[in-house]
């Protein structure tokens, strides 16, 4: 089977998912054409895949050469979706002309989810599937604290229309509430959607002690980990302000792991000086390997998820739960819902300085007294093997 996989971005979780998905399809014996913008062809993970797979993997450029620049232009979400759907259509036609495509997989359907719902599949009669992560029109029905999205009713109708597309093999989602909504409200469409638990695995052998030694962190420090793409949305300002405050215990350290945006770098250059002087600030400002990931979670005591305006699922939340580390999380969105529903830690008002300080001190005291216990049992299915087996193509369709 010849499978076309389209991924136009490299930020956040995108390329981690991409590497796992491409490698899995290759191991199943399929020929894979991976389509990304030219500027991403030198990405470390693409080079890794090409060196390991030889002729089974072909990497091509998106058909629209101006893709990256056009996406920088301010435009409404729906106009952007129409544009991306058209890019995907041209990309499919280009790949299909080279070699007939049997199946299309989109690691991130959300680029043009509603445009596909309105206009239909951009892949002709070819069977396709993909993963969606961002729909939120259903959240308020299940107690998730989130603003109702613009055009909520229209988005719901377009989503249902997408599930009715005949060439859709399956739409996968990491949001279990979305599947619950379809089962409750539109059961005739439930065969078209499937919940695939957001995969998170920690691969490595570091212990708490060995990780601390490697990172030069005192064994008795209480470490708060901020992990992933470090930008303004991660609530860094609120966290640094709290750690600089005299009301927070001075044995609480910050471990910042992931590539920092320019705005965050500028902020940290001045605001982290007190923590640096006190040797309470530690960072890995780079691409993180699997071993690094396991190491930083092993070294940490608390995981920070006090994000701003983040209403969808978080892979960092799953990694925290799998490593049995308590969360300080925003009260909104799926982070807030999971933190409360699964008893993963404390929800805070990110705009309330006292709330942030109190949450840090409360968890610090529980950790010191060894009273806190996070169960990873609800997240046992959040592994790559189960995830990848669930998304393999239905070759019989």
Protein backbone atom coordinates (compact mmCIF):
# COMPACT_ATOMS: atom_id res chain seq x y z
CA UNK A 1 0.00 0.00 0.00
CA UNK A 2 1.27 3.47 -0.91
CA UNK A 3 0.47 5.91 1.91
CA UNK A 4 0.72 9.70 1.67
CA UNK A 5 1.35 11.50 4.97
CA UNK A 6 1.13 15.31 5.01
CA UNK A 7 2.61 17.41 7.83
CA UNK A 8 3.38 21.09 7.19
CA UNK A 9 4.65 22.09 10.67
CA UNK A 10 7.41 21.12 13.07
CA UNK A 11 6.44 22.82 16.33
CA UNK A 12 5.46 21.20 19.61
CA UNK A 13 4.23 17.61 19.38
CA UNK A 14 3.92 17.58 15.58
CA UNK A 15 7.23 16.01 14.60
CA UNK A 16 7.31 13.55 17.50
CA UNK A 17 3.97 12.19 16.30
CA UNK A 18 5.16 12.30 12.72
CA UNK A 19 8.28 10.21 13.31
CA UNK A 20 6.35 7.53 15.20
CA UNK A 21 3.54 7.38 12.63
CA UNK A 22 5.82 7.26 9.58
CA UNK A 23 8.07 4.62 11.14
CA UNK A 24 5.08 2.50 12.12
CA UNK A 25 3.62 2.50 8.60
CA UNK A 26 7.02 1.57 7.18
CA UNK A 27 7.33 -1.33 9.62
CA UNK A 28 3.95 -2.58 8.41
CA UNK A 29 5.52 -2.91 4.96
CA UNK A 30 3.90 0.11 3.30
CA UNK A 31 5.54 2.55 0.91
CA UNK A 32 5.32 6.01 2.47
CA UNK A 33 5.49 9.42 0.81
CA UNK A 34 6.00 12.12 3.41
CA UNK A 35 5.13 15.64 2.36
CA UNK A 36 6.53 18.61 4.31
CA UNK A 37 7.74 22.09 3.32
CA UNK A 38 11.26 22.21 1.88
CA UNK A 39 12.52 24.09 4.93
CA UNK A 40 11.75 21.08 7.14
CA UNK A 41 13.57 18.49 5.04
CA UNK A 42 16.71 19.02 7.12
CA UNK A 43 14.89 18.38 10.40
CA UNK A 44 16.81 15.92 12.58
CA UNK A 45 13.92 13.45 12.73
CA UNK A 46 13.42 13.41 8.94
CA UNK A 47 17.15 12.74 8.45
CA UNK A 48 16.91 9.96 11.02
CA UNK A 49 13.98 8.33 9.21
CA UNK A 50 15.60 8.60 5.79
CA UNK A 51 18.86 7.06 6.98
CA UNK A 52 16.98 4.12 8.51
CA UNK A 53 14.48 3.33 5.76
CA UNK A 54 16.27 3.86 2.42
CA UNK A 55 13.85 3.25 -0.50
CA UNK A 56 10.65 2.69 1.52
CA UNK A 57 10.33 6.38 2.39
CA UNK A 58 10.10 9.23 -0.09
CA UNK A 59 10.11 12.85 1.11
CA UNK A 60 8.61 15.51 -1.14
CA UNK A 61 7.88 19.21 -0.85
CA UNK A 62 4.45 20.74 -0.43
CA UNK A 63 3.09 21.75 -3.85
CA UNK A 64 2.62 25.38 -2.80
CA UNK A 65 6.10 26.92 -2.62
CA UNK A 66 4.81 30.03 -0.83
CA UNK A 67 3.10 28.01 1.91
CA UNK A 68 5.13 29.21 4.89
CA UNK A 69 4.95 32.90 3.95
CA UNK A 70 1.24 32.80 3.22
CA UNK A 71 0.51 31.32 6.61
CA UNK A 72 2.16 34.34 8.27
CA UNK A 73 -0.42 36.65 6.71
CA UNK A 74 -3.22 37.51 9.11
CA UNK A 75 -6.45 35.93 7.99
CA UNK A 76 -9.57 34.46 9.55
CA UNK A 77 -9.47 30.84 10.69
CA UNK A 78 -11.95 29.74 8.04
CA UNK A 79 -10.06 31.46 5.19
CA UNK A 80 -6.85 29.83 6.43
CA UNK A 81 -8.58 26.44 6.48
CA UNK A 82 -9.80 26.80 2.88
CA UNK A 83 -6.29 27.74 1.83
CA UNK A 84 -4.67 24.75 3.60
CA UNK A 85 -7.30 22.34 2.24
CA UNK A 86 -6.41 23.54 -1.25
CA UNK A 87 -2.69 23.04 -0.53
CA UNK A 88 -3.44 19.49 0.66
CA UNK A 89 -5.47 18.85 -2.51
CA UNK A 90 -2.61 19.98 -4.75
CA UNK A 91 -0.14 17.99 -2.68
CA UNK A 92 -2.24 14.84 -3.05
CA UNK A 93 -2.56 15.35 -6.81
CA UNK A 94 1.20 15.87 -7.14
CA UNK A 95 2.02 12.71 -5.17
CA UNK A 96 -0.66 10.69 -6.92
CA UNK A 97 0.69 11.69 -10.34
CA UNK A 98 4.12 10.36 -9.35
CA UNK A 99 2.75 7.11 -7.98
CA UNK A 100 -0.93 6.24 -7.30
CA UNK A 101 -1.79 6.89 -3.64
CA UNK A 102 -3.81 4.18 -1.87
CA UNK A 103 -4.35 5.95 1.44
CA UNK A 104 -3.81 9.42 2.96
CA UNK A 105 -3.05 10.01 6.63
CA UNK A 106 -3.06 13.41 8.32
CA UNK A 107 -1.30 13.44 11.70
CA UNK A 108 -3.11 16.74 12.36
CA UNK A 109 -6.48 17.14 10.62
CA UNK A 110 -7.16 20.37 12.49
CA UNK A 111 -5.29 22.39 9.85
CA UNK A 112 -8.46 22.26 7.72
CA UNK A 113 -10.98 20.19 9.69
CA UNK A 114 -14.02 22.39 9.07
CA UNK A 115 -13.09 23.19 5.46
CA UNK A 116 -13.08 19.44 4.77
CA UNK A 117 -16.42 19.18 6.53
CA UNK A 118 -17.87 21.87 4.27
CA UNK A 119 -16.24 21.01 0.94
CA UNK A 120 -15.55 17.30 1.35
CA UNK A 121 -12.31 15.34 1.09
CA UNK A 122 -9.49 16.95 -0.92
CA UNK A 123 -8.20 13.47 -1.79
CA UNK A 124 -10.67 12.45 -4.49
CA UNK A 125 -11.87 8.86 -4.10
CA UNK A 126 -8.83 7.84 -2.04
CA UNK A 127 -9.47 6.56 1.46
CA UNK A 128 -8.09 8.75 4.23
CA UNK A 129 -7.91 9.18 7.99
CA UNK A 130 -6.25 11.43 10.53
CA UNK A 131 -6.04 12.74 14.07
CA UNK A 132 -7.93 15.76 15.41
CA UNK A 133 -6.96 17.48 18.64
CA UNK A 134 -8.64 20.87 18.81
CA UNK A 135 -12.47 20.76 18.52
CA UNK A 136 -14.04 22.31 21.62
CA UNK A 137 -17.68 22.94 20.66
CA UNK A 138 -18.70 20.02 22.92
CA UNK A 139 -16.65 20.83 26.05
CA UNK A 140 -19.16 22.89 27.99
CA UNK A 141 -21.64 19.99 27.80
CA UNK A 142 -19.32 18.01 30.08
CA UNK A 143 -18.24 20.63 32.59
CA UNK A 144 -15.00 21.71 30.93
CA UNK A 145 -14.26 25.36 31.70
CA UNK A 146 -13.74 26.94 28.32
CA UNK A 147 -15.09 29.84 26.28
CA UNK A 148 -17.63 28.77 23.71
CA UNK A 149 -15.79 28.87 20.37
CA UNK A 150 -16.83 31.28 17.67
CA UNK A 151 -19.43 29.79 15.33
CA UNK A 152 -19.81 26.88 17.73
CA UNK A 153 -23.02 25.49 16.22
CA UNK A 154 -21.68 25.79 12.68
CA UNK A 155 -18.43 24.03 13.64
CA UNK A 156 -20.44 21.24 15.24
CA UNK A 157 -22.48 20.75 12.07
CA UNK A 158 -19.39 20.78 9.86
CA UNK A 159 -17.71 18.27 12.14
CA UNK A 160 -20.71 15.93 11.88
CA UNK A 161 -20.68 16.39 8.12
CA UNK A 162 -17.00 15.42 8.02
CA UNK A 163 -17.78 12.21 9.92
CA UNK A 164 -20.29 11.38 7.16
CA UNK A 165 -17.72 11.54 4.32
CA UNK A 166 -17.74 8.13 2.59
CA UNK A 167 -14.00 8.01 1.94
CA UNK A 168 -13.19 8.66 5.61
CA UNK A 169 -11.75 5.49 7.08
CA UNK A 170 -11.69 6.81 10.65
CA UNK A 171 -11.21 10.10 12.47
CA UNK A 172 -9.07 9.63 15.56
CA UNK A 173 -9.08 11.98 18.52
CA UNK A 174 -7.07 12.31 21.73
CA UNK A 175 -10.12 13.92 23.39
CA UNK A 176 -12.20 11.21 25.07
CA UNK A 177 -15.00 13.71 25.72
CA UNK A 178 -15.45 14.27 21.98
CA UNK A 179 -16.14 10.57 21.45
CA UNK A 180 -18.51 10.62 24.42
CA UNK A 181 -20.35 13.54 22.80
CA UNK A 182 -20.77 11.66 19.48
CA UNK A 183 -21.92 8.50 21.30
CA UNK A 184 -24.44 10.48 23.38
CA UNK A 185 -25.78 12.87 20.75
CA UNK A 186 -25.07 11.28 17.35
CA UNK A 187 -24.68 7.51 17.85
CA UNK A 188 -25.14 6.73 14.13
CA UNK A 189 -21.80 8.43 13.47
CA UNK A 190 -19.81 6.71 16.22
CA UNK A 191 -18.29 4.19 13.78
CA UNK A 192 -16.44 7.08 12.11
CA UNK A 193 -14.63 8.31 15.21
CA UNK A 194 -12.32 6.62 17.69
CA UNK A 195 -10.62 7.72 20.89
CA UNK A 196 -6.87 7.09 20.85
CA UNK A 197 -5.28 7.98 24.21
CA UNK A 198 -2.58 10.60 23.79
CA UNK A 199 0.65 8.52 23.85
CA UNK A 200 3.37 9.30 26.33
CA UNK A 201 6.25 7.06 27.30
CA UNK A 202 9.38 7.73 29.28
CA UNK A 203 12.28 5.78 27.81
CA UNK A 204 15.44 5.74 29.89
CA UNK A 205 17.02 4.41 33.05
CA UNK A 206 17.68 7.50 35.15
CA UNK A 207 16.72 7.36 38.81
CA UNK A 208 15.77 10.39 40.86
CA UNK A 209 19.34 10.55 42.18
CA UNK A 210 21.21 9.97 38.90
CA UNK A 211 19.04 12.54 37.08
CA UNK A 212 19.74 15.12 39.77
CA UNK A 213 23.48 14.50 39.56
CA UNK A 214 23.44 14.84 35.77
CA UNK A 215 21.50 18.12 35.95
CA UNK A 216 23.50 19.47 38.95
CA UNK A 217 20.36 19.83 41.06
CA UNK A 218 20.57 19.38 44.85
CA UNK A 219 18.93 16.16 46.00
CA UNK A 220 16.74 17.91 48.59
CA UNK A 221 15.48 20.65 46.26
CA UNK A 222 11.81 20.59 45.22
CA UNK A 223 11.90 20.94 41.44
CA UNK A 224 9.13 22.37 39.25
CA UNK A 225 9.46 21.24 35.64
CA UNK A 226 8.26 23.33 32.67
CA UNK A 227 8.50 21.14 29.58
CA UNK A 228 7.96 21.56 25.84
CA UNK A 229 8.04 24.55 23.51
CA UNK A 230 8.62 27.38 25.99
CA UNK A 231 6.60 30.42 24.94
CA UNK A 232 4.40 33.04 26.56
CA UNK A 233 1.39 30.69 26.66
CA UNK A 234 3.15 28.49 29.21
CA UNK A 235 2.52 31.00 32.02
CA UNK A 236 6.25 31.50 32.64
CA UNK A 237 5.83 35.07 33.91
CA UNK A 238 3.39 34.01 36.63
CA UNK A 239 5.62 31.12 37.70
CA UNK A 240 8.84 33.18 37.82
CA UNK A 241 7.06 35.92 39.77
CA UNK A 242 5.94 33.35 42.33
CA UNK A 243 9.39 31.75 42.63
CA UNK A 244 10.98 35.18 43.10
CA UNK A 245 8.48 35.92 45.87
CA UNK A 246 9.55 35.67 49.51
CA UNK A 247 6.30 33.79 50.20
CA UNK A 248 7.53 30.70 48.32
CA UNK A 249 10.01 28.40 50.07
CA UNK A 250 13.59 28.97 48.91
CA UNK A 251 14.27 25.27 48.33
CA UNK A 252 11.90 25.28 45.32
CA UNK A 253 13.85 25.18 42.04
CA UNK A 254 12.83 25.70 38.40
CA UNK A 255 13.79 23.30 35.60
CA UNK A 256 12.99 24.75 32.17
CA UNK A 257 13.27 22.18 29.36
CA UNK A 258 12.63 22.86 25.66
CA UNK A 259 13.34 25.49 23.05
CA UNK A 260 12.53 28.98 24.28
CA UNK A 261 10.84 31.64 22.18
CA UNK A 262 12.66 34.95 21.74
CA UNK A 263 10.14 36.68 24.01
CA UNK A 264 10.75 34.14 26.79
CA UNK A 265 14.54 34.42 26.38
CA UNK A 266 14.30 38.20 26.74
CA UNK A 267 12.10 37.91 29.81
CA UNK A 268 14.31 35.30 31.48
CA UNK A 269 17.49 37.30 30.85
CA UNK A 270 16.35 39.75 33.53
CA UNK A 271 13.68 38.06 35.63
CA UNK A 272 15.57 34.80 36.34
CA UNK A 273 18.64 36.58 37.74
CA UNK A 274 17.60 36.13 41.37
CA UNK A 275 17.00 32.40 40.85
CA UNK A 276 20.37 32.09 39.07
CA UNK A 277 22.20 33.78 41.94
CA UNK A 278 20.46 31.42 44.36
CA UNK A 279 21.30 28.45 42.07
CA UNK A 280 17.59 27.62 41.82
CA UNK A 281 17.36 27.93 38.02
CA UNK A 282 18.21 25.09 35.62
CA UNK A 283 17.52 24.78 31.89
CA UNK A 284 17.88 22.68 28.75
CA UNK A 285 17.15 25.12 25.93
CA UNK A 286 17.36 22.65 23.05
CA UNK A 287 15.74 19.75 21.21
CA UNK A 288 15.06 17.05 23.80
CA UNK A 289 15.92 13.39 23.17
CA UNK A 290 13.94 10.47 24.63
CA UNK A 291 16.67 9.95 27.20
CA UNK A 292 16.66 13.64 28.16
CA UNK A 293 12.88 13.52 28.52
CA UNK A 294 13.00 10.59 30.93
CA UNK A 295 15.82 12.23 32.85
CA UNK A 296 14.08 15.58 33.44
CA UNK A 297 10.84 13.95 34.57
CA UNK A 298 12.82 11.64 36.89
CA UNK A 299 14.57 14.68 38.39
CA UNK A 300 11.37 16.66 38.98
CA UNK A 301 8.86 16.78 41.80
CA UNK A 302 6.11 18.94 40.27
CA UNK A 303 5.09 19.57 36.66
CA UNK A 304 3.89 23.04 35.67
CA UNK A 305 0.83 23.26 33.41
CA UNK A 306 -0.35 26.72 34.36
CA UNK A 307 -0.93 27.60 30.72
CA UNK A 308 -2.85 30.56 29.35
CA UNK A 309 -5.66 30.07 26.84
CA UNK A 310 -4.89 26.39 26.36
CA UNK A 311 -8.14 24.47 26.22
CA UNK A 312 -7.20 21.21 24.48
CA UNK A 313 -5.33 18.08 25.58
CA UNK A 314 -1.72 18.20 26.77
CA UNK A 315 0.90 15.51 26.21
CA UNK A 316 2.89 16.97 29.11
CA UNK A 317 -0.07 16.24 31.39
CA UNK A 318 0.07 12.57 30.37
CA UNK A 319 3.86 12.43 30.86
CA UNK A 320 3.42 13.91 34.33
CA UNK A 321 0.77 11.33 35.23
CA UNK A 322 2.82 8.44 33.80
CA UNK A 323 5.80 9.57 35.89
CA UNK A 324 3.48 9.99 38.93
CA UNK A 325 4.36 13.64 39.41
CA UNK A 326 1.71 16.09 40.69
CA UNK A 327 0.55 18.90 38.43
CA UNK A 328 0.02 22.59 38.99
CA UNK A 329 -2.41 23.26 36.17
CA UNK A 330 -4.72 25.90 34.79
CA UNK A 331 -8.34 25.42 35.81
CA UNK A 332 -9.55 25.83 32.23
CA UNK A 333 -9.83 23.39 29.35
CA UNK A 334 -8.93 19.71 29.34
CA UNK A 335 -5.91 20.33 31.58
CA UNK A 336 -8.24 21.55 34.31
CA UNK A 337 -10.79 18.80 33.62
CA UNK A 338 -8.23 15.99 33.76
CA UNK A 339 -6.41 17.44 36.78
CA UNK A 340 -9.63 17.43 38.77
CA UNK A 341 -11.28 14.32 37.27
CA UNK A 342 -8.18 12.10 37.69
CA UNK A 343 -6.90 13.80 40.87
CA UNK A 344 -3.57 14.78 39.34
CA UNK A 345 -2.75 17.85 41.42
CA UNK A 346 -3.92 21.43 41.96
CA UNK A 347 -5.81 23.77 39.61
CA UNK A 348 -4.94 27.45 39.87
CA UNK A 349 -6.07 30.84 38.68
CA UNK A 350 -3.01 31.83 36.66
CA UNK A 351 -3.88 35.53 37.08
CA UNK A 352 -3.93 35.24 40.90
CA UNK A 353 -0.39 35.55 42.31
CA UNK A 354 -1.46 34.29 45.73
CA UNK A 355 -3.12 31.23 44.19
CA UNK A 356 0.09 30.37 42.33
CA UNK A 357 2.28 30.81 45.41
CA UNK A 358 -0.06 28.80 47.63
CA UNK A 359 -0.23 25.92 45.15
CA UNK A 360 3.58 25.71 45.04
CA UNK A 361 3.90 25.76 48.81
CA UNK A 362 1.07 23.26 49.34
CA UNK A 363 2.57 20.71 46.96
CA UNK A 364 6.06 21.36 48.28
CA UNK A 365 4.89 20.59 51.82
CA UNK A 366 3.08 17.42 50.70
CA UNK A 367 6.18 16.23 48.85
CA UNK A 368 8.42 16.92 51.84
CA UNK A 369 6.07 14.98 54.13
CA UNK A 370 5.68 12.22 51.50
CA UNK A 371 1.90 12.49 51.65
CA UNK A 372 1.21 12.98 47.97
CA UNK A 373 0.47 10.04 45.67
CA UNK A 374 -0.47 10.27 41.99
CA UNK A 375 -1.84 7.15 40.30
CA UNK A 376 -0.77 6.41 36.73
CA UNK A 377 -3.41 3.67 36.39
CA UNK A 378 -5.91 5.84 34.41
CA UNK A 379 -3.16 6.39 31.83
CA UNK A 380 -2.01 2.81 31.24
CA UNK A 381 -3.35 2.87 27.66
CA UNK A 382 -1.43 6.06 26.85
CA UNK A 383 1.44 4.28 25.13
CA UNK A 384 2.80 4.34 21.60
CA UNK A 385 2.17 0.67 20.86
CA UNK A 386 -1.58 0.89 21.50
CA UNK A 387 -1.82 4.26 19.78
CA UNK A 388 -0.01 3.18 16.61
CA UNK A 389 -1.91 -0.12 16.36
CA UNK A 390 -5.19 1.78 16.53
CA UNK A 391 -4.40 4.14 13.64
CA UNK A 392 -3.17 1.61 11.07
CA UNK A 393 -5.04 1.71 7.75
CA UNK A 394 -8.12 -0.42 7.24
CA UNK A 395 -6.89 -2.20 4.13
CA UNK A 396 -10.16 -4.09 3.71
CA UNK A 397 -12.20 -0.94 3.12
